[in-house]
């Protein structure tokens, strides 16, 4: 391998890591939001809050799968 090829592979790896990190940070935000909805749900939020909480959790799972794929 020549230096240009190695440099290109390193840059691609760094970009993949940055994309994965972004996805994980977004997943963290979704999980924090789901936690907040979960607290509301425990105090009688009902079906609506349960649906929103589950939706946030599903979105977080999708973002974590994206991060996994990036890595």
Protein backbone atom coordinates (compact mmCIF):
# COMPACT_ATOMS: atom_id res chain seq x y z
CA UNK A 1 0.00 0.00 0.00
CA UNK A 2 1.18 3.46 -0.73
CA UNK A 3 0.84 6.47 1.53
CA UNK A 4 -2.11 7.93 -0.38
CA UNK A 5 -4.08 4.71 -0.01
CA UNK A 6 -3.33 4.52 3.71
CA UNK A 7 -4.25 8.18 4.19
CA UNK A 8 -7.54 7.66 2.33
CA UNK A 9 -8.41 4.60 4.45
CA UNK A 10 -7.64 6.51 7.65
CA UNK A 11 -9.85 9.41 6.53
CA UNK A 12 -12.68 6.99 5.71
CA UNK A 13 -12.33 5.36 9.13
CA UNK A 14 -12.39 8.73 10.89
CA UNK A 15 -15.51 9.79 8.96
CA UNK A 16 -17.23 6.50 9.78
CA UNK A 17 -16.38 7.00 13.44
CA UNK A 18 -17.75 10.55 13.35
CA UNK A 19 -21.00 9.34 11.76
CA UNK A 20 -21.30 6.59 14.37
CA UNK A 21 -20.67 9.06 17.19
CA UNK A 22 -23.33 11.41 15.82
CA UNK A 23 -25.84 8.55 15.64
CA UNK A 24 -25.02 7.50 19.20
CA UNK A 25 -25.44 11.03 20.50
CA UNK A 26 -28.81 11.27 18.78
CA UNK A 27 -29.77 7.89 20.27
CA UNK A 28 -28.81 9.19 23.71
CA UNK A 29 -31.13 12.18 23.23
CA UNK A 30 -33.99 9.87 22.19
CA UNK A 31 -33.41 7.64 25.23
CA UNK A 32 -33.35 10.66 27.53
CA UNK A 33 -36.62 11.78 26.03
CA UNK A 34 -38.09 8.30 26.40
CA UNK A 35 -37.04 8.35 30.05
CA UNK A 36 -38.85 11.62 30.59
CA UNK A 37 -41.97 10.22 28.95
CA UNK A 38 -41.58 7.11 31.10
CA UNK A 39 -41.68 9.21 34.26
CA UNK A 40 -44.80 10.95 32.99
CA UNK A 41 -46.25 7.54 32.12
CA UNK A 42 -45.70 6.24 35.67
CA UNK A 43 -47.79 9.09 37.03
CA UNK A 44 -50.79 8.26 34.88
CA UNK A 45 -49.77 9.43 31.44
CA UNK A 46 -51.80 6.73 29.75
CA UNK A 47 -51.67 5.21 26.30
CA UNK A 48 -50.52 8.41 24.59
CA UNK A 49 -47.37 8.76 26.70
CA UNK A 50 -46.66 5.03 26.39
CA UNK A 51 -46.83 5.29 22.61
CA UNK A 52 -44.50 8.30 22.52
CA UNK A 53 -42.06 6.60 24.92
CA UNK A 54 -41.99 3.44 22.78
CA UNK A 55 -41.54 5.52 19.63
CA UNK A 56 -38.52 7.29 21.13
CA UNK A 57 -37.04 3.94 22.15
CA UNK A 58 -37.57 2.55 18.64
CA UNK A 59 -35.91 5.60 17.12
CA UNK A 60 -32.95 5.17 19.47
CA UNK A 61 -32.64 1.54 18.47
CA UNK A 62 -32.58 2.51 14.81
CA UNK A 63 -29.88 5.08 15.46
CA UNK A 64 -27.79 2.51 17.33
CA UNK A 65 -28.12 0.14 14.38
CA UNK A 66 -26.94 2.95 12.11
CA UNK A 67 -23.91 3.51 14.36
CA UNK A 68 -23.16 -0.21 14.30
CA UNK A 69 -23.33 -0.21 10.52
CA UNK A 70 -21.03 2.82 10.30
CA UNK A 71 -18.43 1.05 12.40
